[in-house]
Amino acid sequence: MTTRIVLVRHGETQFNAEGRLQGQWDIPLSAVGTAQAQAVAPVVAAMNPVAIVSSPLVRARVTAETIGRAAGLEVAFDDRLKEVDVGQWAGQTVADLHRNDPEYTSLMASGEDFRRSDGETTAEVAQRVTAAIKDAVGEHTGETVCLVAHGFALRAGVVRLLGGGYPEFLRFGGLGNCSWTVLDRIGAGEADRRGMDDRWRLRTYNATLM
C-alpha cells in the first residue's frame, strides 16, 4: 500500500521578493503570494488529499487554508514544519551577511553543515521535518496527505527521506513559492514483493504554475 505526500511551499512574501532571510519570523504573504496560493489550491485539491497539515507561521498557514477551502478540508498545524531558525540572520540579505558577518562567507564555502547564527543546522531541521512527515504517513496510510511548509525545511526533509545528507542538500535546487513536491511511501509488503530496499520514491520536485 502506497501513501502519497504532497509538499507545498508557501506563497511569496515581501521578504522573498527582497531576498531577505525569514527564518521563523512571521512574515505574511504578499499580493503575489496570495495569488500564487489561490492558483495552486485547485491543483493540490485535485490530488484528493484527505488531510492538510501546515507550519503555523502565517505565510504557510494562509497558503494551507487556501488549499483547504478548495479541498473542503480543515487545516491542522505542526510546529515541526516551521522554517529553519536562522537566529540573528533573520531580516538580512545574503549581501548583508557577506558584509556584516565574516564567518558567513567561510561557512557557506566550506561544504559542511553549520549552525545558522544562534539558530539551527540543516540536520536538525531535517530531523524534525521528517518526523512530521513520517507521522502523517502513519496516520493516513494508503492515502494522500498535503503538508504546507517552507523552502529550506521541505528541501531538507526530502533529502533526508531519500537517504541524503548535506552534500545532497546542496545539489538539490531550491523550491519555488507555491511549488509542490510529491513523495510516495511504498508500504513494506509491497516493497518486499517488488524487491525494493528504499521505500521512498520522489515523483515530482518543485513543480510550479507561476
N, C-alpha and C. Protein backbone atom coordinates (compact mmCIF):
# COMPACT_ATOMS: atom_id res chain seq x y z
N MET A 1 0.84 -1.18 0.00
CA MET A 1 0.00 0.00 0.00
C MET A 1 0.89 1.25 0.00
N THR A 2 0.56 2.19 -0.87
CA THR A 2 1.38 3.39 -1.03
C THR A 2 0.68 4.61 -0.44
N THR A 3 1.44 5.41 0.31
CA THR A 3 0.95 6.67 0.85
C THR A 3 1.61 7.80 0.09
N ARG A 4 0.84 8.75 -0.35
CA ARG A 4 1.38 9.88 -1.13
C ARG A 4 1.43 11.13 -0.27
N ILE A 5 2.58 11.79 -0.27
CA ILE A 5 2.79 13.02 0.48
C ILE A 5 3.01 14.16 -0.52
N VAL A 6 2.16 15.17 -0.47
CA VAL A 6 2.28 16.34 -1.33
C VAL A 6 2.81 17.49 -0.47
N LEU A 7 3.99 17.96 -0.78
CA LEU A 7 4.66 19.01 -0.01
C LEU A 7 4.55 20.33 -0.77
N VAL A 8 3.98 21.33 -0.14
CA VAL A 8 3.76 22.62 -0.80
C VAL A 8 4.51 23.71 -0.04
N ARG A 9 5.31 24.48 -0.77
CA ARG A 9 5.92 25.66 -0.15
C ARG A 9 4.92 26.80 -0.18
N HIS A 10 4.98 27.66 0.81
CA HIS A 10 4.08 28.81 0.90
C HIS A 10 4.27 29.78 -0.27
N GLY A 11 3.31 30.67 -0.45
CA GLY A 11 3.41 31.71 -1.47
C GLY A 11 4.44 32.77 -1.12
N GLU A 12 4.69 33.64 -2.06
CA GLU A 12 5.72 34.66 -1.91
C GLU A 12 5.38 35.67 -0.81
N THR A 13 6.41 36.12 -0.12
CA THR A 13 6.31 37.23 0.83
C THR A 13 7.16 38.39 0.31
N GLN A 14 7.01 39.54 0.93
CA GLN A 14 7.85 40.66 0.54
C GLN A 14 9.32 40.38 0.83
N PHE A 15 9.60 39.64 1.90
CA PHE A 15 10.98 39.26 2.19
C PHE A 15 11.54 38.37 1.09
N ASN A 16 10.72 37.43 0.57
CA ASN A 16 11.17 36.62 -0.57
C ASN A 16 11.55 37.51 -1.74
N ALA A 17 10.68 38.46 -2.05
CA ALA A 17 10.92 39.34 -3.19
C ALA A 17 12.18 40.17 -3.01
N GLU A 18 12.50 40.51 -1.77
CA GLU A 18 13.68 41.33 -1.48
C GLU A 18 14.93 40.50 -1.22
N GLY A 19 14.80 39.16 -1.22
CA GLY A 19 15.94 38.31 -0.97
C GLY A 19 16.40 38.31 0.48
N ARG A 20 15.47 38.53 1.41
CA ARG A 20 15.81 38.56 2.83
C ARG A 20 15.51 37.22 3.50
N LEU A 21 16.40 36.81 4.39
CA LEU A 21 16.17 35.60 5.15
C LEU A 21 15.00 35.82 6.11
N GLN A 22 14.09 34.87 6.14
CA GLN A 22 12.94 34.97 7.04
C GLN A 22 13.08 34.12 8.27
N GLY A 23 13.63 32.92 8.08
CA GLY A 23 13.69 32.01 9.21
C GLY A 23 12.31 31.82 9.81
N GLN A 24 12.22 31.97 11.11
CA GLN A 24 10.94 31.77 11.80
C GLN A 24 10.24 33.09 12.11
N TRP A 25 10.69 34.20 11.54
CA TRP A 25 9.93 35.44 11.63
C TRP A 25 8.59 35.22 10.92
N ASP A 26 7.54 35.79 11.46
CA ASP A 26 6.20 35.51 10.96
C ASP A 26 5.80 36.55 9.91
N ILE A 27 6.30 36.37 8.71
CA ILE A 27 6.12 37.32 7.62
C ILE A 27 4.89 36.91 6.78
N PRO A 28 3.95 37.83 6.50
CA PRO A 28 2.74 37.46 5.75
C PRO A 28 2.99 37.33 4.25
N LEU A 29 2.04 36.74 3.56
CA LEU A 29 2.08 36.69 2.11
C LEU A 29 1.95 38.08 1.52
N SER A 30 2.62 38.29 0.40
CA SER A 30 2.40 39.50 -0.40
C SER A 30 1.18 39.29 -1.30
N ALA A 31 0.82 40.31 -2.06
CA ALA A 31 -0.28 40.15 -3.02
C ALA A 31 0.05 39.06 -4.03
N VAL A 32 1.32 39.01 -4.45
CA VAL A 32 1.74 37.95 -5.38
C VAL A 32 1.58 36.58 -4.73
N GLY A 33 2.00 36.47 -3.46
CA GLY A 33 1.90 35.19 -2.76
C GLY A 33 0.47 34.74 -2.58
N THR A 34 -0.44 35.68 -2.32
CA THR A 34 -1.85 35.34 -2.21
C THR A 34 -2.38 34.80 -3.53
N ALA A 35 -2.00 35.43 -4.64
CA ALA A 35 -2.43 34.95 -5.96
C ALA A 35 -1.85 33.57 -6.26
N GLN A 36 -0.60 33.34 -5.85
CA GLN A 36 0.01 32.02 -6.05
C GLN A 36 -0.75 30.94 -5.28
N ALA A 37 -1.12 31.25 -4.04
CA ALA A 37 -1.86 30.28 -3.24
C ALA A 37 -3.21 29.97 -3.86
N GLN A 38 -3.88 30.99 -4.36
CA GLN A 38 -5.17 30.78 -4.99
C GLN A 38 -5.05 29.95 -6.27
N ALA A 39 -3.94 30.12 -6.98
CA ALA A 39 -3.74 29.38 -8.22
C ALA A 39 -3.40 27.90 -7.96
N VAL A 40 -2.59 27.65 -6.94
CA VAL A 40 -2.17 26.26 -6.69
C VAL A 40 -3.23 25.46 -5.96
N ALA A 41 -4.14 26.12 -5.27
CA ALA A 41 -5.13 25.42 -4.45
C ALA A 41 -5.91 24.36 -5.22
N PRO A 42 -6.51 24.69 -6.39
CA PRO A 42 -7.27 23.64 -7.09
C PRO A 42 -6.39 22.51 -7.62
N VAL A 43 -5.12 22.82 -7.90
CA VAL A 43 -4.20 21.77 -8.37
C VAL A 43 -3.98 20.74 -7.27
N VAL A 44 -3.71 21.22 -6.07
CA VAL A 44 -3.49 20.30 -4.95
C VAL A 44 -4.80 19.61 -4.57
N ALA A 45 -5.90 20.34 -4.59
CA ALA A 45 -7.19 19.74 -4.27
C ALA A 45 -7.52 18.58 -5.20
N ALA A 46 -7.11 18.71 -6.47
CA ALA A 46 -7.38 17.65 -7.45
C ALA A 46 -6.58 16.37 -7.17
N MET A 47 -5.58 16.47 -6.32
CA MET A 47 -4.82 15.28 -5.92
C MET A 47 -5.53 14.50 -4.82
N ASN A 48 -6.68 15.03 -4.37
CA ASN A 48 -7.55 14.36 -3.41
C ASN A 48 -6.89 14.05 -2.07
N PRO A 49 -6.28 15.06 -1.45
CA PRO A 49 -5.74 14.82 -0.11
C PRO A 49 -6.87 14.57 0.89
N VAL A 50 -6.59 13.76 1.89
CA VAL A 50 -7.57 13.51 2.95
C VAL A 50 -7.28 14.38 4.17
N ALA A 51 -6.11 15.01 4.18
CA ALA A 51 -5.73 15.87 5.30
C ALA A 51 -4.71 16.89 4.84
N ILE A 52 -4.70 18.03 5.51
CA ILE A 52 -3.72 19.08 5.26
C ILE A 52 -3.10 19.45 6.59
N VAL A 53 -1.77 19.41 6.65
CA VAL A 53 -1.03 19.78 7.86
C VAL A 53 -0.07 20.89 7.48
N SER A 54 0.02 21.92 8.31
CA SER A 54 0.80 23.11 7.94
C SER A 54 1.70 23.57 9.08
N SER A 55 2.78 24.21 8.69
CA SER A 55 3.52 25.05 9.63
C SER A 55 2.57 26.12 10.14
N PRO A 56 2.70 26.52 11.41
CA PRO A 56 1.80 27.55 11.94
C PRO A 56 2.19 28.97 11.54
N LEU A 57 3.36 29.17 10.93
CA LEU A 57 3.75 30.51 10.51
C LEU A 57 2.77 31.03 9.47
N VAL A 58 2.42 32.30 9.54
CA VAL A 58 1.27 32.84 8.81
C VAL A 58 1.39 32.64 7.30
N ARG A 59 2.58 32.73 6.74
CA ARG A 59 2.72 32.57 5.29
C ARG A 59 2.36 31.16 4.84
N ALA A 60 2.67 30.16 5.67
CA ALA A 60 2.28 28.79 5.37
C ALA A 60 0.82 28.56 5.72
N ARG A 61 0.40 29.11 6.86
CA ARG A 61 -0.99 28.90 7.30
C ARG A 61 -1.99 29.41 6.28
N VAL A 62 -1.79 30.62 5.78
CA VAL A 62 -2.73 31.18 4.81
C VAL A 62 -2.71 30.37 3.51
N THR A 63 -1.53 29.95 3.08
CA THR A 63 -1.44 29.09 1.90
C THR A 63 -2.21 27.79 2.11
N ALA A 64 -2.02 27.18 3.27
CA ALA A 64 -2.70 25.92 3.57
C ALA A 64 -4.20 26.09 3.66
N GLU A 65 -4.64 27.17 4.28
CA GLU A 65 -6.08 27.40 4.40
C GLU A 65 -6.72 27.67 3.04
N THR A 66 -5.98 28.29 2.14
CA THR A 66 -6.49 28.49 0.78
C THR A 66 -6.66 27.14 0.08
N ILE A 67 -5.70 26.26 0.23
CA ILE A 67 -5.81 24.91 -0.32
C ILE A 67 -6.96 24.17 0.36
N GLY A 68 -7.07 24.34 1.66
CA GLY A 68 -8.13 23.66 2.41
C GLY A 68 -9.52 24.03 1.93
N ARG A 69 -9.72 25.30 1.62
CA ARG A 69 -11.04 25.71 1.12
C ARG A 69 -11.34 25.03 -0.21
N ALA A 70 -10.33 24.91 -1.06
CA ALA A 70 -10.54 24.25 -2.36
C ALA A 70 -10.80 22.76 -2.20
N ALA A 71 -10.18 22.16 -1.19
CA ALA A 71 -10.30 20.71 -0.98
C ALA A 71 -11.41 20.34 -0.01
N GLY A 72 -12.03 21.34 0.63
CA GLY A 72 -13.06 21.06 1.62
C GLY A 72 -12.51 20.44 2.89
N LEU A 73 -11.31 20.88 3.30
CA LEU A 73 -10.64 20.29 4.46
C LEU A 73 -10.23 21.37 5.46
N GLU A 74 -10.31 21.04 6.73
CA GLU A 74 -9.73 21.89 7.77
C GLU A 74 -8.22 21.65 7.81
N VAL A 75 -7.48 22.64 8.29
CA VAL A 75 -6.03 22.54 8.36
C VAL A 75 -5.59 22.27 9.79
N ALA A 76 -4.70 21.29 9.95
CA ALA A 76 -4.05 21.04 11.23
C ALA A 76 -2.65 21.67 11.20
N PHE A 77 -2.08 21.91 12.37
CA PHE A 77 -0.79 22.60 12.43
C PHE A 77 0.23 21.79 13.21
N ASP A 78 1.49 21.90 12.76
CA ASP A 78 2.57 21.13 13.39
C ASP A 78 3.80 22.03 13.44
N ASP A 79 4.26 22.35 14.65
CA ASP A 79 5.42 23.22 14.82
C ASP A 79 6.68 22.66 14.17
N ARG A 80 6.73 21.35 13.98
CA ARG A 80 7.92 20.74 13.39
C ARG A 80 8.10 21.13 11.92
N LEU A 81 7.06 21.70 11.31
CA LEU A 81 7.13 22.10 9.91
C LEU A 81 7.59 23.55 9.73
N LYS A 82 7.94 24.23 10.82
CA LYS A 82 8.42 25.60 10.71
C LYS A 82 9.72 25.66 9.89
N GLU A 83 10.00 26.85 9.38
CA GLU A 83 11.22 27.08 8.61
C GLU A 83 12.44 26.97 9.53
N VAL A 84 13.61 26.80 8.91
CA VAL A 84 14.86 26.78 9.66
C VAL A 84 14.97 28.06 10.49
N ASP A 85 15.42 27.92 11.72
CA ASP A 85 15.69 29.07 12.58
C ASP A 85 17.07 29.61 12.19
N VAL A 86 17.10 30.83 11.67
CA VAL A 86 18.39 31.44 11.27
C VAL A 86 18.88 32.44 12.31
N GLY A 87 18.24 32.46 13.46
CA GLY A 87 18.71 33.30 14.54
C GLY A 87 18.81 34.77 14.16
N GLN A 88 19.94 35.37 14.46
CA GLN A 88 20.14 36.80 14.24
C GLN A 88 20.33 37.16 12.76
N TRP A 89 20.38 36.18 11.91
CA TRP A 89 20.48 36.47 10.47
C TRP A 89 19.14 36.86 9.86
N ALA A 90 18.04 36.62 10.57
CA ALA A 90 16.72 36.93 10.01
C ALA A 90 16.62 38.41 9.66
N GLY A 91 16.02 38.67 8.51
CA GLY A 91 15.83 40.04 8.04
C GLY A 91 16.95 40.55 7.16
N GLN A 92 18.07 39.82 7.10
CA GLN A 92 19.21 40.26 6.31
C GLN A 92 19.22 39.58 4.95
N THR A 93 19.85 40.23 3.98
CA THR A 93 20.09 39.62 2.68
C THR A 93 21.43 38.89 2.71
N VAL A 94 21.68 38.08 1.69
CA VAL A 94 22.97 37.40 1.60
C VAL A 94 24.10 38.42 1.50
N ALA A 95 23.86 39.49 0.75
CA ALA A 95 24.88 40.55 0.64
C ALA A 95 25.17 41.16 2.01
N ASP A 96 24.12 41.38 2.81
CA ASP A 96 24.30 41.89 4.17
C ASP A 96 25.19 40.96 4.98
N LEU A 97 24.92 39.65 4.88
CA LEU A 97 25.66 38.68 5.68
C LEU A 97 27.11 38.60 5.26
N HIS A 98 27.37 38.62 3.95
CA HIS A 98 28.77 38.62 3.49
C HIS A 98 29.50 39.86 4.01
N ARG A 99 28.81 40.96 4.09
CA ARG A 99 29.43 42.22 4.52
C ARG A 99 29.57 42.31 6.04
N ASN A 100 28.55 41.82 6.77
CA ASN A 100 28.49 42.05 8.21
C ASN A 100 29.00 40.90 9.06
N ASP A 101 29.05 39.70 8.49
CA ASP A 101 29.43 38.52 9.29
C ASP A 101 30.54 37.77 8.56
N PRO A 102 31.81 38.03 8.89
CA PRO A 102 32.92 37.39 8.18
C PRO A 102 32.85 35.87 8.18
N GLU A 103 32.27 35.30 9.25
CA GLU A 103 32.19 33.85 9.34
C GLU A 103 31.22 33.27 8.32
N TYR A 104 30.22 34.05 7.92
CA TYR A 104 29.20 33.55 7.00
C TYR A 104 29.82 33.08 5.69
N THR A 105 30.72 33.87 5.13
CA THR A 105 31.33 33.52 3.85
C THR A 105 32.08 32.20 3.94
N SER A 106 32.86 32.03 5.00
CA SER A 106 33.63 30.79 5.13
C SER A 106 32.72 29.59 5.39
N LEU A 107 31.65 29.79 6.15
CA LEU A 107 30.72 28.69 6.40
C LEU A 107 30.04 28.25 5.10
N MET A 108 29.61 29.21 4.30
CA MET A 108 28.94 28.88 3.05
C MET A 108 29.87 28.17 2.08
N ALA A 109 31.15 28.49 2.12
CA ALA A 109 32.11 27.91 1.18
C ALA A 109 32.66 26.57 1.65
N SER A 110 32.37 26.19 2.89
CA SER A 110 33.01 25.01 3.47
C SER A 110 32.48 23.69 2.91
N GLY A 111 31.22 23.69 2.44
CA GLY A 111 30.61 22.43 2.01
C GLY A 111 30.15 21.56 3.16
N GLU A 112 30.27 22.07 4.38
CA GLU A 112 29.85 21.33 5.57
C GLU A 112 28.62 21.98 6.18
N ASP A 113 27.81 21.17 6.82
CA ASP A 113 26.64 21.71 7.51
C ASP A 113 27.10 22.63 8.64
N PHE A 114 26.29 23.61 8.97
CA PHE A 114 26.68 24.57 10.01
C PHE A 114 25.44 25.15 10.68
N ARG A 115 25.67 25.73 11.85
CA ARG A 115 24.60 26.37 12.59
C ARG A 115 24.41 27.79 12.06
N ARG A 116 23.17 28.14 11.76
CA ARG A 116 22.88 29.47 11.23
C ARG A 116 22.72 30.46 12.37
N SER A 117 23.77 31.26 12.59
CA SER A 117 23.81 32.19 13.72
C SER A 117 23.57 31.39 15.00
N ASP A 118 22.60 31.79 15.81
CA ASP A 118 22.27 31.03 17.02
C ASP A 118 21.02 30.19 16.80
N GLY A 119 20.80 29.82 15.52
CA GLY A 119 19.64 29.02 15.16
C GLY A 119 19.95 27.55 14.99
N GLU A 120 19.55 26.98 13.84
CA GLU A 120 19.62 25.53 13.63
C GLU A 120 20.62 25.14 12.54
N THR A 121 20.97 23.87 12.55
CA THR A 121 21.71 23.26 11.45
C THR A 121 20.71 22.62 10.48
N THR A 122 21.18 22.29 9.29
CA THR A 122 20.33 21.60 8.32
C THR A 122 19.88 20.26 8.86
N ALA A 123 20.79 19.55 9.52
CA ALA A 123 20.45 18.22 10.05
C ALA A 123 19.35 18.30 11.10
N GLU A 124 19.38 19.33 11.92
CA GLU A 124 18.33 19.48 12.94
C GLU A 124 16.97 19.76 12.29
N VAL A 125 16.97 20.58 11.26
CA VAL A 125 15.72 20.85 10.55
C VAL A 125 15.20 19.57 9.89
N ALA A 126 16.10 18.86 9.21
CA ALA A 126 15.72 17.63 8.53
C ALA A 126 15.11 16.62 9.49
N GLN A 127 15.67 16.53 10.68
CA GLN A 127 15.17 15.55 11.66
C GLN A 127 13.74 15.84 12.06
N ARG A 128 13.44 17.10 12.36
CA ARG A 128 12.07 17.40 12.81
C ARG A 128 11.06 17.35 11.67
N VAL A 129 11.46 17.78 10.46
CA VAL A 129 10.53 17.75 9.33
C VAL A 129 10.22 16.31 8.93
N THR A 130 11.24 15.47 8.88
CA THR A 130 10.98 14.07 8.50
C THR A 130 10.13 13.37 9.56
N ALA A 131 10.30 13.74 10.80
CA ALA A 131 9.44 13.15 11.85
C ALA A 131 7.98 13.52 11.61
N ALA A 132 7.74 14.77 11.22
CA ALA A 132 6.37 15.20 10.93
C ALA A 132 5.80 14.46 9.73
N ILE A 133 6.62 14.29 8.70
CA ILE A 133 6.16 13.58 7.50
C ILE A 133 5.86 12.12 7.83
N LYS A 134 6.72 11.49 8.58
CA LYS A 134 6.51 10.07 8.93
C LYS A 134 5.26 9.90 9.79
N ASP A 135 4.99 10.86 10.67
CA ASP A 135 3.76 10.78 11.45
C ASP A 135 2.53 10.91 10.55
N ALA A 136 2.62 11.77 9.55
CA ALA A 136 1.50 11.92 8.61
C ALA A 136 1.26 10.62 7.85
N VAL A 137 2.35 9.95 7.47
CA VAL A 137 2.22 8.65 6.79
C VAL A 137 1.55 7.65 7.72
N GLY A 138 1.98 7.63 8.98
CA GLY A 138 1.40 6.69 9.94
C GLY A 138 -0.08 6.90 10.18
N GLU A 139 -0.51 8.16 10.13
CA GLU A 139 -1.91 8.47 10.40
C GLU A 139 -2.80 8.29 9.18
N HIS A 140 -2.21 8.29 7.99
CA HIS A 140 -3.02 8.26 6.76
C HIS A 140 -2.45 7.26 5.75
N THR A 141 -2.10 6.09 6.23
CA THR A 141 -1.52 5.07 5.37
C THR A 141 -2.44 4.74 4.19
N GLY A 142 -1.86 4.72 3.00
CA GLY A 142 -2.61 4.38 1.81
C GLY A 142 -3.40 5.53 1.22
N GLU A 143 -3.25 6.74 1.78
CA GLU A 143 -4.00 7.90 1.30
C GLU A 143 -3.03 9.00 0.89
N THR A 144 -3.58 10.16 0.53
CA THR A 144 -2.78 11.31 0.13
C THR A 144 -2.91 12.39 1.19
N VAL A 145 -1.77 12.94 1.61
CA VAL A 145 -1.74 13.99 2.62
C VAL A 145 -0.94 15.16 2.07
N CYS A 146 -1.41 16.37 2.31
CA CYS A 146 -0.72 17.59 1.91
C CYS A 146 -0.09 18.24 3.13
N LEU A 147 1.20 18.55 3.04
CA LEU A 147 1.90 19.28 4.07
C LEU A 147 2.39 20.60 3.48
N VAL A 148 2.09 21.69 4.17
CA VAL A 148 2.46 23.03 3.69
C VAL A 148 3.50 23.61 4.62
N ALA A 149 4.64 24.01 4.06
CA ALA A 149 5.72 24.49 4.91
C ALA A 149 6.61 25.46 4.13
N HIS A 150 7.91 25.32 4.27
CA HIS A 150 8.88 26.33 3.84
C HIS A 150 9.98 25.71 2.98
N GLY A 151 10.61 26.54 2.17
CA GLY A 151 11.54 26.04 1.18
C GLY A 151 12.72 25.27 1.75
N PHE A 152 13.43 25.86 2.69
CA PHE A 152 14.59 25.19 3.28
C PHE A 152 14.15 23.92 4.02
N ALA A 153 13.12 24.06 4.84
CA ALA A 153 12.67 22.93 5.65
C ALA A 153 12.22 21.75 4.80
N LEU A 154 11.44 22.02 3.75
CA LEU A 154 10.95 20.94 2.91
C LEU A 154 12.09 20.29 2.13
N ARG A 155 13.01 21.09 1.62
CA ARG A 155 14.14 20.50 0.88
C ARG A 155 14.97 19.62 1.81
N ALA A 156 15.22 20.09 3.03
CA ALA A 156 15.98 19.28 3.99
C ALA A 156 15.27 17.96 4.29
N GLY A 157 13.94 18.02 4.43
CA GLY A 157 13.19 16.81 4.71
C GLY A 157 13.20 15.83 3.55
N VAL A 158 13.01 16.33 2.34
CA VAL A 158 13.01 15.46 1.16
C VAL A 158 14.36 14.75 1.02
N VAL A 159 15.43 15.51 1.15
CA VAL A 159 16.77 14.92 1.00
C VAL A 159 17.01 13.84 2.06
N ARG A 160 16.60 14.11 3.30
CA ARG A 160 16.78 13.11 4.37
C ARG A 160 15.98 11.84 4.08
N LEU A 161 14.74 11.99 3.64
CA LEU A 161 13.91 10.82 3.36
C LEU A 161 14.47 9.98 2.22
N LEU A 162 15.13 10.63 1.27
CA LEU A 162 15.72 9.91 0.14
C LEU A 162 17.11 9.35 0.45
N GLY A 163 17.55 9.52 1.70
CA GLY A 163 18.81 8.92 2.13
C GLY A 163 20.01 9.83 2.01
N GLY A 164 19.80 11.11 1.71
CA GLY A 164 20.91 12.03 1.52
C GLY A 164 21.26 12.81 2.77
N GLY A 165 22.39 13.50 2.69
CA GLY A 165 22.84 14.37 3.76
C GLY A 165 23.09 15.77 3.23
N TYR A 166 23.97 16.50 3.87
CA TYR A 166 24.19 17.89 3.47
C TYR A 166 24.76 18.03 2.05
N PRO A 167 25.68 17.16 1.61
CA PRO A 167 26.15 17.30 0.22
C PRO A 167 25.01 17.18 -0.80
N GLU A 168 24.08 16.27 -0.55
CA GLU A 168 22.94 16.13 -1.46
C GLU A 168 21.99 17.31 -1.33
N PHE A 169 21.84 17.83 -0.12
CA PHE A 169 21.03 19.03 0.09
C PHE A 169 21.52 20.17 -0.80
N LEU A 170 22.83 20.33 -0.90
CA LEU A 170 23.40 21.41 -1.72
C LEU A 170 23.14 21.19 -3.20
N ARG A 171 22.98 19.93 -3.62
CA ARG A 171 22.79 19.63 -5.04
C ARG A 171 21.34 19.79 -5.49
N PHE A 172 20.42 19.72 -4.54
CA PHE A 172 19.01 19.90 -4.89
C PHE A 172 18.72 21.38 -5.07
N GLY A 173 17.97 21.72 -6.11
CA GLY A 173 17.60 23.11 -6.30
C GLY A 173 16.62 23.57 -5.23
N GLY A 174 16.60 24.87 -4.98
CA GLY A 174 15.65 25.43 -4.03
C GLY A 174 14.22 25.30 -4.55
N LEU A 175 13.27 25.36 -3.65
CA LEU A 175 11.85 25.21 -4.01
C LEU A 175 11.22 26.58 -4.26
N GLY A 176 10.49 26.70 -5.36
CA GLY A 176 9.81 27.94 -5.68
C GLY A 176 8.59 28.16 -4.80
N ASN A 177 8.18 29.42 -4.68
CA ASN A 177 6.97 29.72 -3.92
C ASN A 177 5.76 29.04 -4.53
N CYS A 178 4.99 28.38 -3.67
CA CYS A 178 3.80 27.61 -4.06
C CYS A 178 4.13 26.48 -5.03
N SER A 179 5.36 26.01 -4.99
CA SER A 179 5.69 24.78 -5.73
C SER A 179 5.16 23.58 -4.95
N TRP A 180 5.00 22.48 -5.68
CA TRP A 180 4.63 21.24 -4.99
C TRP A 180 5.61 20.14 -5.36
N THR A 181 5.86 19.30 -4.38
CA THR A 181 6.77 18.16 -4.48
C THR A 181 6.01 16.94 -3.99
N VAL A 182 6.12 15.83 -4.71
CA VAL A 182 5.35 14.65 -4.36
C VAL A 182 6.28 13.48 -4.05
N LEU A 183 6.06 12.87 -2.90
CA LEU A 183 6.79 11.68 -2.48
C LEU A 183 5.81 10.54 -2.24
N ASP A 184 6.19 9.35 -2.66
CA ASP A 184 5.41 8.15 -2.35
C ASP A 184 6.16 7.34 -1.30
N ARG A 185 5.43 6.91 -0.29
CA ARG A 185 5.97 5.98 0.69
C ARG A 185 5.38 4.61 0.37
N ILE A 186 6.22 3.71 -0.13
CA ILE A 186 5.79 2.37 -0.50
C ILE A 186 5.67 1.52 0.76
N GLY A 187 4.52 0.90 0.95
CA GLY A 187 4.33 0.05 2.13
C GLY A 187 5.29 -1.12 2.15
N ALA A 188 5.57 -1.62 3.35
CA ALA A 188 6.58 -2.67 3.50
C ALA A 188 6.23 -3.92 2.69
N GLY A 189 4.96 -4.33 2.73
CA GLY A 189 4.59 -5.54 1.99
C GLY A 189 4.80 -5.39 0.50
N GLU A 190 4.35 -4.28 -0.05
CA GLU A 190 4.52 -4.03 -1.48
C GLU A 190 5.99 -3.91 -1.84
N ALA A 191 6.75 -3.22 -1.00
CA ALA A 191 8.18 -3.05 -1.27
C ALA A 191 8.90 -4.40 -1.29
N ASP A 192 8.56 -5.26 -0.33
CA ASP A 192 9.19 -6.58 -0.29
C ASP A 192 8.84 -7.40 -1.52
N ARG A 193 7.58 -7.32 -1.95
CA ARG A 193 7.17 -8.07 -3.15
C ARG A 193 7.91 -7.59 -4.38
N ARG A 194 8.21 -6.31 -4.43
CA ARG A 194 8.87 -5.73 -5.59
C ARG A 194 10.39 -5.71 -5.45
N GLY A 195 10.90 -6.23 -4.33
CA GLY A 195 12.34 -6.28 -4.13
C GLY A 195 12.96 -4.90 -3.95
N MET A 196 12.24 -4.00 -3.27
CA MET A 196 12.70 -2.63 -3.10
C MET A 196 13.30 -2.44 -1.71
N ASP A 197 14.53 -1.94 -1.67
CA ASP A 197 15.15 -1.63 -0.39
C ASP A 197 14.76 -0.23 0.09
N ASP A 198 14.81 0.74 -0.82
CA ASP A 198 14.47 2.12 -0.48
C ASP A 198 13.00 2.32 -0.76
N ARG A 199 12.21 2.60 0.26
CA ARG A 199 10.76 2.62 0.09
C ARG A 199 10.19 4.00 -0.15
N TRP A 200 11.03 5.03 -0.18
CA TRP A 200 10.58 6.37 -0.55
C TRP A 200 10.87 6.61 -2.02
N ARG A 201 9.91 7.18 -2.72
CA ARG A 201 10.10 7.47 -4.15
C ARG A 201 9.72 8.92 -4.41
N LEU A 202 10.61 9.65 -5.09
CA LEU A 202 10.34 11.04 -5.47
C LEU A 202 9.62 11.03 -6.80
N ARG A 203 8.38 11.54 -6.83
CA ARG A 203 7.57 11.54 -8.04
C ARG A 203 7.62 12.89 -8.76
N THR A 204 7.62 13.97 -8.00
CA THR A 204 7.62 15.32 -8.57
C THR A 204 8.45 16.21 -7.65
N TYR A 205 9.23 17.11 -8.24
CA TYR A 205 10.02 18.03 -7.41
C TYR A 205 9.91 19.44 -7.96
N ASN A 206 9.47 20.36 -7.11
CA ASN A 206 9.48 21.81 -7.43
C ASN A 206 8.66 22.15 -8.66
N ALA A 207 7.47 21.57 -8.77
CA ALA A 207 6.56 21.93 -9.87
C ALA A 207 5.83 23.22 -9.52
N THR A 208 5.71 24.12 -10.48
CA THR A 208 5.05 25.41 -10.22
C THR A 208 4.13 25.79 -11.36
N LEU A 209 3.19 26.69 -11.04
CA LEU A 209 2.29 27.26 -12.04
C LEU A 209 2.70 28.67 -12.44
N MET A 210 3.25 29.44 -11.48
CA MET A 210 3.52 30.85 -11.69
C MET A 210 4.99 31.18 -11.43
